[in-house]
Amino acid sequence: MHELSVLLGYLNLPLHLAGFATTPLELVSFILSVATVWLNIRQSHWAWLFAIISSATYGLVFFGSRLYGDMGLQLVFISVSIYGWYQWLHGDDSHERLPVTALDARGRWIAAVAWLAGFVLLAWFLKSYTDTDVPRSDGFLTAGSLVGQLLLSRKKIENWHVWIIVDVLYVGLYLHKHLILTAVLYAVFVGMAVVGLRAWQQAAGMGPGGDDTGDRRLVLE
């Protein structure tokens, strides 16, 4: 236990990198997170391994910044990552590799309502039971991130729409919390999410506007 405390103390030492104030732990989390999104864009199932590791390291980063919603979200991400890893490998009806698909209108409404309900519950919990100074922002983005991760685990194209919205707002939150490197990371994520959206639309035979332009039929669930 003492050795763990010493290690965490070392990983949280101030580190100045290219003008940014950060820590070794945040830097490692940054690199792992970029690798995760890059592998997601390529539809590599190894993305889930990187997601598990980066979630664990970022959980420690967020704990130190009193972002308890985001910290707890990392634990959920680890569980969802295990589920997503299986789904990507064996998740369709024939237990073959999961294809990229899109939500139908009902699915989009369910996702929106789940996001809203999660926001209300998480904001209330964080305001009532933690000392965070951003319960509403933390709750809204935590709920959105969970919806995005669940959509990602089922290879739904709409996961990228969710991540674009969430990542843009996270940039502002992390700047407020002086997590400058993480704010830069989420700015990078915005661009990567746009690339991911286009790549997945192409994989599903869809045009940039979401229309089916390829020979392969897109199955709507």
C-alpha atoms as a PDB file:
ATOM      1  CA  MET A   1       0.000   0.000   0.000  1.00  0.00           C
ATOM      2  CA  HIS A   2       2.860   2.365   0.824  1.00  0.00           C
ATOM      3  CA  GLU A   3       4.563   1.531  -2.476  1.00  0.00           C
ATOM      4  CA  LEU A   4       1.328   2.346  -4.349  1.00  0.00           C
ATOM      5  CA  SER A   5       1.063   5.727  -2.628  1.00  0.00           C
ATOM      6  CA  VAL A   6       4.673   6.508  -3.522  1.00  0.00           C
ATOM      7  CA  LEU A   7       4.065   5.515  -7.142  1.00  0.00           C
ATOM      8  CA  LEU A   8       0.920   7.657  -7.398  1.00  0.00           C
ATOM      9  CA  GLY A   9       2.794  10.557  -5.836  1.00  0.00           C
ATOM     10  CA  TYR A  10       5.485  10.271  -8.487  1.00  0.00           C
ATOM     11  CA  LEU A  11       2.955   9.998 -11.319  1.00  0.00           C
ATOM     12  CA  ASN A  12       1.243  13.187 -10.129  1.00  0.00           C
ATOM     13  CA  LEU A  13       4.395  15.304  -9.913  1.00  0.00           C
ATOM     14  CA  PRO A  14       4.162  18.533 -11.940  1.00  0.00           C
ATOM     15  CA  LEU A  15       5.529  18.177 -15.455  1.00  0.00           C
ATOM     16  CA  HIS A  16       5.985  20.977 -17.995  1.00  0.00           C
ATOM     17  CA  LEU A  17       5.785  19.779 -21.568  1.00  0.00           C
ATOM     18  CA  ALA A  18       5.876  22.146 -24.570  1.00  0.00           C
ATOM     19  CA  GLY A  19       4.482  24.930 -22.405  1.00  0.00           C
ATOM     20  CA  PHE A  20       1.742  22.772 -20.867  1.00  0.00           C
ATOM     21  CA  ALA A  21       1.522  22.018 -17.160  1.00  0.00           C
ATOM     22  CA  THR A  22       0.650  18.353 -16.731  1.00  0.00           C
ATOM     23  CA  THR A  23       1.655  15.201 -14.831  1.00  0.00           C
ATOM     24  CA  PRO A  24       3.210  11.915 -15.990  1.00  0.00           C
ATOM     25  CA  LEU A  25      -0.116  10.186 -15.257  1.00  0.00           C
ATOM     26  CA  GLU A  26      -2.098  12.616 -17.406  1.00  0.00           C
ATOM     27  CA  LEU A  27       0.483  12.306 -20.197  1.00  0.00           C
ATOM     28  CA  VAL A  28       0.275   8.500 -20.215  1.00  0.00           C
ATOM     29  CA  SER A  29      -3.534   8.716 -20.204  1.00  0.00           C
ATOM     30  CA  PHE A  30      -3.358  11.152 -23.126  1.00  0.00           C
ATOM     31  CA  ILE A  31      -1.280   8.777 -25.252  1.00  0.00           C
ATOM     32  CA  LEU A  32      -3.422   5.744 -24.432  1.00  0.00           C
ATOM     33  CA  SER A  33      -6.641   7.641 -25.208  1.00  0.00           C
ATOM     34  CA  VAL A  34      -5.420   8.809 -28.613  1.00  0.00           C
ATOM     35  CA  ALA A  35      -4.423   5.223 -29.434  1.00  0.00           C
ATOM     36  CA  THR A  36      -7.884   4.043 -28.348  1.00  0.00           C
ATOM     37  CA  VAL A  37      -9.776   6.428 -30.636  1.00  0.00           C
ATOM     38  CA  TRP A  38      -7.420   5.724 -33.551  1.00  0.00           C
ATOM     39  CA  LEU A  39      -8.081   1.992 -33.186  1.00  0.00           C
ATOM     40  CA  ASN A  40     -11.835   2.656 -32.897  1.00  0.00           C
ATOM     41  CA  ILE A  41     -11.769   4.506 -36.220  1.00  0.00           C
ATOM     42  CA  ARG A  42     -10.047   1.477 -37.766  1.00  0.00           C
ATOM     43  CA  GLN A  43     -12.633  -0.837 -36.119  1.00  0.00           C
ATOM     44  CA  SER A  44      -9.856  -2.780 -34.364  1.00  0.00           C
ATOM     45  CA  HIS A  45     -11.076  -4.782 -31.380  1.00  0.00           C
ATOM     46  CA  TRP A  46      -7.762  -4.011 -29.641  1.00  0.00           C
ATOM     47  CA  ALA A  47      -9.173  -0.536 -29.032  1.00  0.00           C
ATOM     48  CA  TRP A  48     -11.052  -1.991 -26.067  1.00  0.00           C
ATOM     49  CA  LEU A  49      -7.839  -3.102 -24.345  1.00  0.00           C
ATOM     50  CA  PHE A  50      -6.425   0.410 -24.641  1.00  0.00           C
ATOM     51  CA  ALA A  51      -9.779   1.772 -23.451  1.00  0.00           C
ATOM     52  CA  ILE A  52      -9.613  -0.338 -20.275  1.00  0.00           C
ATOM     53  CA  ILE A  53      -6.081   0.818 -19.447  1.00  0.00           C
ATOM     54  CA  SER A  54      -6.689   4.498 -20.270  1.00  0.00           C
ATOM     55  CA  SER A  55      -9.934   4.474 -18.268  1.00  0.00           C
ATOM     56  CA  ALA A  56      -8.061   3.213 -15.224  1.00  0.00           C
ATOM     57  CA  THR A  57      -5.353   5.871 -15.501  1.00  0.00           C
ATOM     58  CA  TYR A  58      -7.791   8.686 -16.216  1.00  0.00           C
ATOM     59  CA  GLY A  59      -9.880   7.622 -13.227  1.00  0.00           C
ATOM     60  CA  LEU A  60      -6.908   8.556 -11.050  1.00  0.00           C
ATOM     61  CA  VAL A  61      -6.444  11.855 -12.893  1.00  0.00           C
ATOM     62  CA  PHE A  62     -10.098  12.846 -12.427  1.00  0.00           C
ATOM     63  CA  PHE A  63     -10.092  11.855  -8.767  1.00  0.00           C
ATOM     64  CA  GLY A  64      -7.307  14.329  -8.172  1.00  0.00           C
ATOM     65  CA  SER A  65      -9.323  17.060  -9.920  1.00  0.00           C
ATOM     66  CA  ARG A  66     -12.580  16.318  -8.027  1.00  0.00           C
ATOM     67  CA  LEU A  67     -14.354  15.339 -11.241  1.00  0.00           C
ATOM     68  CA  TYR A  68     -16.136  12.465  -9.536  1.00  0.00           C
ATOM     69  CA  GLY A  69     -18.675  11.908 -12.277  1.00  0.00           C
ATOM     70  CA  ASP A  70     -15.891  11.433 -14.792  1.00  0.00           C
ATOM     71  CA  MET A  71     -13.978   9.287 -12.312  1.00  0.00           C
ATOM     72  CA  GLY A  72     -16.955   6.997 -11.782  1.00  0.00           C
ATOM     73  CA  LEU A  73     -17.548   6.971 -15.533  1.00  0.00           C
ATOM     74  CA  GLN A  74     -14.130   5.407 -16.037  1.00  0.00           C
ATOM     75  CA  LEU A  75     -15.220   2.419 -13.934  1.00  0.00           C
ATOM     76  CA  VAL A  76     -18.321   2.091 -16.095  1.00  0.00           C
ATOM     77  CA  PHE A  77     -16.160   2.434 -19.202  1.00  0.00           C
ATOM     78  CA  ILE A  78     -14.046  -0.506 -18.081  1.00  0.00           C
ATOM     79  CA  SER A  79     -17.167  -2.676 -17.752  1.00  0.00           C
ATOM     80  CA  VAL A  80     -18.590  -1.466 -21.072  1.00  0.00           C
ATOM     81  CA  SER A  81     -15.211  -2.023 -22.723  1.00  0.00           C
ATOM     82  CA  ILE A  82     -15.277  -5.700 -21.763  1.00  0.00           C
ATOM     83  CA  TYR A  83     -18.813  -5.926 -23.174  1.00  0.00           C
ATOM     84  CA  GLY A  84     -17.825  -3.971 -26.295  1.00  0.00           C
ATOM     85  CA  TRP A  85     -14.798  -6.173 -26.923  1.00  0.00           C
ATOM     86  CA  TYR A  86     -17.027  -9.248 -26.995  1.00  0.00           C
ATOM     87  CA  GLN A  87     -19.677  -7.518 -29.115  1.00  0.00           C
ATOM     88  CA  TRP A  88     -17.190  -6.415 -31.763  1.00  0.00           C
ATOM     89  CA  LEU A  89     -15.892  -9.963 -32.109  1.00  0.00           C
ATOM     90  CA  HIS A  90     -19.079 -12.019 -31.689  1.00  0.00           C
ATOM     91  CA  GLY A  91     -21.936  -9.548 -31.495  1.00  0.00           C
ATOM     92  CA  ASP A  92     -24.183 -10.123 -34.512  1.00  0.00           C
ATOM     93  CA  ASP A  93     -26.895 -12.768 -34.881  1.00  0.00           C
ATOM     94  CA  SER A  94     -24.470 -15.252 -36.435  1.00  0.00           C
ATOM     95  CA  HIS A  95     -21.820 -14.528 -33.779  1.00  0.00           C
ATOM     96  CA  GLU A  96     -19.533 -13.074 -36.414  1.00  0.00           C
ATOM     97  CA  ARG A  97     -17.726  -9.729 -36.337  1.00  0.00           C
ATOM     98  CA  LEU A  98     -20.190  -6.937 -35.608  1.00  0.00           C
ATOM     99  CA  PRO A  99     -20.957  -4.725 -38.651  1.00  0.00           C
ATOM    100  CA  VAL A 100     -21.354  -0.954 -38.599  1.00  0.00           C
ATOM    101  CA  THR A 101     -25.048  -0.019 -38.492  1.00  0.00           C
ATOM    102  CA  ALA A 102     -27.203   3.026 -37.730  1.00  0.00           C
ATOM    103  CA  LEU A 103     -30.004   3.606 -35.274  1.00  0.00           C
ATOM    104  CA  ASP A 104     -33.569   3.973 -36.497  1.00  0.00           C
ATOM    105  CA  ALA A 105     -35.764   6.861 -35.312  1.00  0.00           C
ATOM    106  CA  ARG A 106     -36.893   4.953 -32.221  1.00  0.00           C
ATOM    107  CA  GLY A 107     -33.308   4.157 -31.269  1.00  0.00           C
ATOM    108  CA  ARG A 108     -32.292   7.803 -31.554  1.00  0.00           C
ATOM    109  CA  TRP A 109     -35.152   8.874 -29.279  1.00  0.00           C
ATOM    110  CA  ILE A 110     -34.204   6.226 -26.721  1.00  0.00           C
ATOM    111  CA  ALA A 111     -30.597   7.438 -26.758  1.00  0.00           C
ATOM    112  CA  ALA A 112     -31.691  11.075 -26.297  1.00  0.00           C
ATOM    113  CA  VAL A 113     -34.039  10.244 -23.407  1.00  0.00           C
ATOM    114  CA  ALA A 114     -31.364   8.085 -21.755  1.00  0.00           C
ATOM    115  CA  TRP A 115     -28.917  10.989 -21.979  1.00  0.00           C
ATOM    116  CA  LEU A 116     -31.421  13.416 -20.434  1.00  0.00           C
ATOM    117  CA  ALA A 117     -32.417  11.011 -17.648  1.00  0.00           C
ATOM    118  CA  GLY A 118     -28.782  10.240 -16.872  1.00  0.00           C
ATOM    119  CA  PHE A 119     -27.987  13.944 -16.723  1.00  0.00           C
ATOM    120  CA  VAL A 120     -30.771  14.678 -14.226  1.00  0.00           C
ATOM    121  CA  LEU A 121     -29.825  11.792 -11.941  1.00  0.00           C
ATOM    122  CA  LEU A 122     -26.080  12.349 -12.075  1.00  0.00           C
ATOM    123  CA  ALA A 123     -26.291  16.113 -11.592  1.00  0.00           C
ATOM    124  CA  TRP A 124     -28.497  15.603  -8.547  1.00  0.00           C
ATOM    125  CA  PHE A 125     -26.192  12.956  -7.096  1.00  0.00           C
ATOM    126  CA  LEU A 126     -23.019  14.965  -7.661  1.00  0.00           C
ATOM    127  CA  LYS A 127     -24.538  18.123  -6.198  1.00  0.00           C
ATOM    128  CA  SER A 128     -25.942  16.301  -3.167  1.00  0.00           C
ATOM    129  CA  TYR A 129     -23.171  13.889  -2.270  1.00  0.00           C
ATOM    130  CA  THR A 130     -19.852  15.247  -3.579  1.00  0.00           C
ATOM    131  CA  ASP A 131     -17.854  18.447  -3.302  1.00  0.00           C
ATOM    132  CA  THR A 132     -17.559  19.006  -7.057  1.00  0.00           C
ATOM    133  CA  ASP A 133     -18.039  22.595  -8.192  1.00  0.00           C
ATOM    134  CA  VAL A 134     -19.435  21.593 -11.613  1.00  0.00           C
ATOM    135  CA  PRO A 135     -22.233  19.088 -10.916  1.00  0.00           C
ATOM    136  CA  ARG A 136     -24.352  20.007 -13.938  1.00  0.00           C
ATOM    137  CA  SER A 137     -21.520  20.046 -16.465  1.00  0.00           C
ATOM    138  CA  ASP A 138     -19.990  16.894 -15.019  1.00  0.00           C
ATOM    139  CA  GLY A 139     -23.366  15.139 -14.946  1.00  0.00           C
ATOM    140  CA  PHE A 140     -24.353  16.136 -18.490  1.00  0.00           C
ATOM    141  CA  LEU A 141     -21.062  15.090 -20.031  1.00  0.00           C
ATOM    142  CA  THR A 142     -20.821  11.917 -17.972  1.00  0.00           C
ATOM    143  CA  ALA A 143     -24.294  10.845 -19.121  1.00  0.00           C
ATOM    144  CA  GLY A 144     -23.477  11.700 -22.729  1.00  0.00           C
ATOM    145  CA  SER A 145     -20.203   9.811 -22.587  1.00  0.00           C
ATOM    146  CA  LEU A 146     -21.971   6.727 -21.282  1.00  0.00           C
ATOM    147  CA  VAL A 147     -24.522   6.872 -24.115  1.00  0.00           C
ATOM    148  CA  GLY A 148     -21.712   7.327 -26.634  1.00  0.00           C
ATOM    149  CA  GLN A 149     -19.762   4.386 -25.232  1.00  0.00           C
ATOM    150  CA  LEU A 150     -22.791   2.097 -25.343  1.00  0.00           C
ATOM    151  CA  LEU A 151     -23.485   3.091 -28.958  1.00  0.00           C
ATOM    152  CA  LEU A 152     -19.812   2.503 -29.761  1.00  0.00           C
ATOM    153  CA  SER A 153     -19.976  -0.979 -28.221  1.00  0.00           C
ATOM    154  CA  ARG A 154     -22.761  -1.844 -30.696  1.00  0.00           C
ATOM    155  CA  LYS A 155     -20.952  -0.146 -33.619  1.00  0.00           C
ATOM    156  CA  LYS A 156     -23.686   2.419 -34.127  1.00  0.00           C
ATOM    157  CA  ILE A 157     -22.626   5.307 -36.358  1.00  0.00           C
ATOM    158  CA  GLU A 158     -24.399   7.777 -34.072  1.00  0.00           C
ATOM    159  CA  ASN A 159     -21.761   7.220 -31.403  1.00  0.00           C
ATOM    160  CA  TRP A 160     -19.578   9.678 -33.341  1.00  0.00           C
ATOM    161  CA  HIS A 161     -22.282  12.359 -33.284  1.00  0.00           C
ATOM    162  CA  VAL A 162     -22.467  11.999 -29.513  1.00  0.00           C
ATOM    163  CA  TRP A 163     -18.700  12.145 -29.120  1.00  0.00           C
ATOM    164  CA  ILE A 164     -18.404  15.302 -31.240  1.00  0.00           C
ATOM    165  CA  ILE A 165     -20.889  17.111 -28.982  1.00  0.00           C
ATOM    166  CA  VAL A 166     -19.382  15.758 -25.763  1.00  0.00           C
ATOM    167  CA  ASP A 167     -15.768  16.356 -26.746  1.00  0.00           C
ATOM    168  CA  VAL A 168     -16.374  19.999 -27.717  1.00  0.00           C
ATOM    169  CA  LEU A 169     -17.959  20.676 -24.317  1.00  0.00           C
ATOM    170  CA  TYR A 170     -15.267  18.729 -22.458  1.00  0.00           C
ATOM    171  CA  VAL A 171     -12.609  21.090 -23.825  1.00  0.00           C
ATOM    172  CA  GLY A 172     -14.225  23.952 -21.918  1.00  0.00           C
ATOM    173  CA  LEU A 173     -14.665  21.888 -18.741  1.00  0.00           C
ATOM    174  CA  TYR A 174     -11.053  20.735 -18.637  1.00  0.00           C
ATOM    175  CA  LEU A 175      -9.770  24.244 -19.300  1.00  0.00           C
ATOM    176  CA  HIS A 176     -11.852  25.333 -16.301  1.00  0.00           C
ATOM    177  CA  LYS A 177     -10.221  22.567 -14.252  1.00  0.00           C
ATOM    178  CA  HIS A 178      -6.727  23.497 -15.483  1.00  0.00           C
ATOM    179  CA  LEU A 179      -6.267  20.092 -17.091  1.00  0.00           C
ATOM    180  CA  ILE A 180      -4.672  21.733 -20.100  1.00  0.00           C
ATOM    181  CA  LEU A 181      -3.229  18.621 -21.722  1.00  0.00           C
ATOM    182  CA  THR A 182      -6.564  16.812 -21.356  1.00  0.00           C
ATOM    183  CA  ALA A 183      -8.335  19.826 -22.902  1.00  0.00           C
ATOM    184  CA  VAL A 184      -5.947  19.576 -25.852  1.00  0.00           C
ATOM    185  CA  LEU A 185      -6.653  15.845 -26.008  1.00  0.00           C
ATOM    186  CA  TYR A 186     -10.397  16.428 -26.292  1.00  0.00           C
ATOM    187  CA  ALA A 187      -9.854  19.069 -28.965  1.00  0.00           C
ATOM    188  CA  VAL A 188      -7.934  16.373 -30.876  1.00  0.00           C
ATOM    189  CA  PHE A 189     -10.820  13.975 -30.172  1.00  0.00           C
ATOM    190  CA  VAL A 190     -13.243  16.343 -31.934  1.00  0.00           C
ATOM    191  CA  GLY A 191     -11.235  16.064 -35.128  1.00  0.00           C
ATOM    192  CA  MET A 192     -10.793  12.315 -34.720  1.00  0.00           C
ATOM    193  CA  ALA A 193     -14.543  11.886 -34.161  1.00  0.00           C
ATOM    194  CA  VAL A 194     -15.251  13.670 -37.444  1.00  0.00           C
ATOM    195  CA  VAL A 195     -12.772  11.359 -39.181  1.00  0.00           C
ATOM    196  CA  GLY A 196     -14.353   8.354 -37.432  1.00  0.00           C
ATOM    197  CA  LEU A 197     -17.840   9.390 -38.520  1.00  0.00           C
ATOM    198  CA  ARG A 198     -16.796   9.606 -42.163  1.00  0.00           C
ATOM    199  CA  ALA A 199     -14.836   6.355 -42.022  1.00  0.00           C
ATOM    200  CA  TRP A 200     -17.732   4.443 -40.502  1.00  0.00           C
ATOM    201  CA  GLN A 201     -20.214   5.936 -42.967  1.00  0.00           C
ATOM    202  CA  GLN A 202     -17.968   4.728 -45.766  1.00  0.00           C
ATOM    203  CA  ALA A 203     -17.663   1.284 -44.170  1.00  0.00           C
ATOM    204  CA  ALA A 204     -21.462   1.070 -44.028  1.00  0.00           C
ATOM    205  CA  GLY A 205     -21.851   2.240 -47.618  1.00  0.00           C
ATOM    206  CA  MET A 206     -23.321   5.589 -46.621  1.00  0.00           C
ATOM    207  CA  GLY A 207     -22.657   9.037 -48.021  1.00  0.00           C
ATOM    208  CA  PRO A 208     -21.547  12.003 -45.883  1.00  0.00           C
ATOM    209  CA  GLY A 209     -25.162  12.993 -45.330  1.00  0.00           C
ATOM    210  CA  GLY A 210     -26.087   9.558 -44.056  1.00  0.00           C
ATOM    211  CA  ASP A 211     -27.636   8.293 -47.340  1.00  0.00           C
ATOM    212  CA  ASP A 212     -26.949   4.761 -48.495  1.00  0.00           C
ATOM    213  CA  THR A 213     -24.654   5.081 -51.530  1.00  0.00           C
ATOM    214  CA  GLY A 214     -22.800   1.780 -51.443  1.00  0.00           C
ATOM    215  CA  ASP A 215     -23.577  -1.693 -52.717  1.00  0.00           C
ATOM    216  CA  ARG A 216     -23.752  -3.163 -49.234  1.00  0.00           C
ATOM    217  CA  ARG A 217     -27.113  -2.718 -47.576  1.00  0.00           C
ATOM    218  CA  LEU A 218     -27.100  -0.949 -44.209  1.00  0.00           C
ATOM    219  CA  VAL A 219     -29.213  -2.771 -41.666  1.00  0.00           C
ATOM    220  CA  LEU A 220     -31.157  -0.487 -39.311  1.00  0.00           C
ATOM    221  CA  GLU A 221     -31.910  -1.957 -35.938  1.00  0.00           C
END
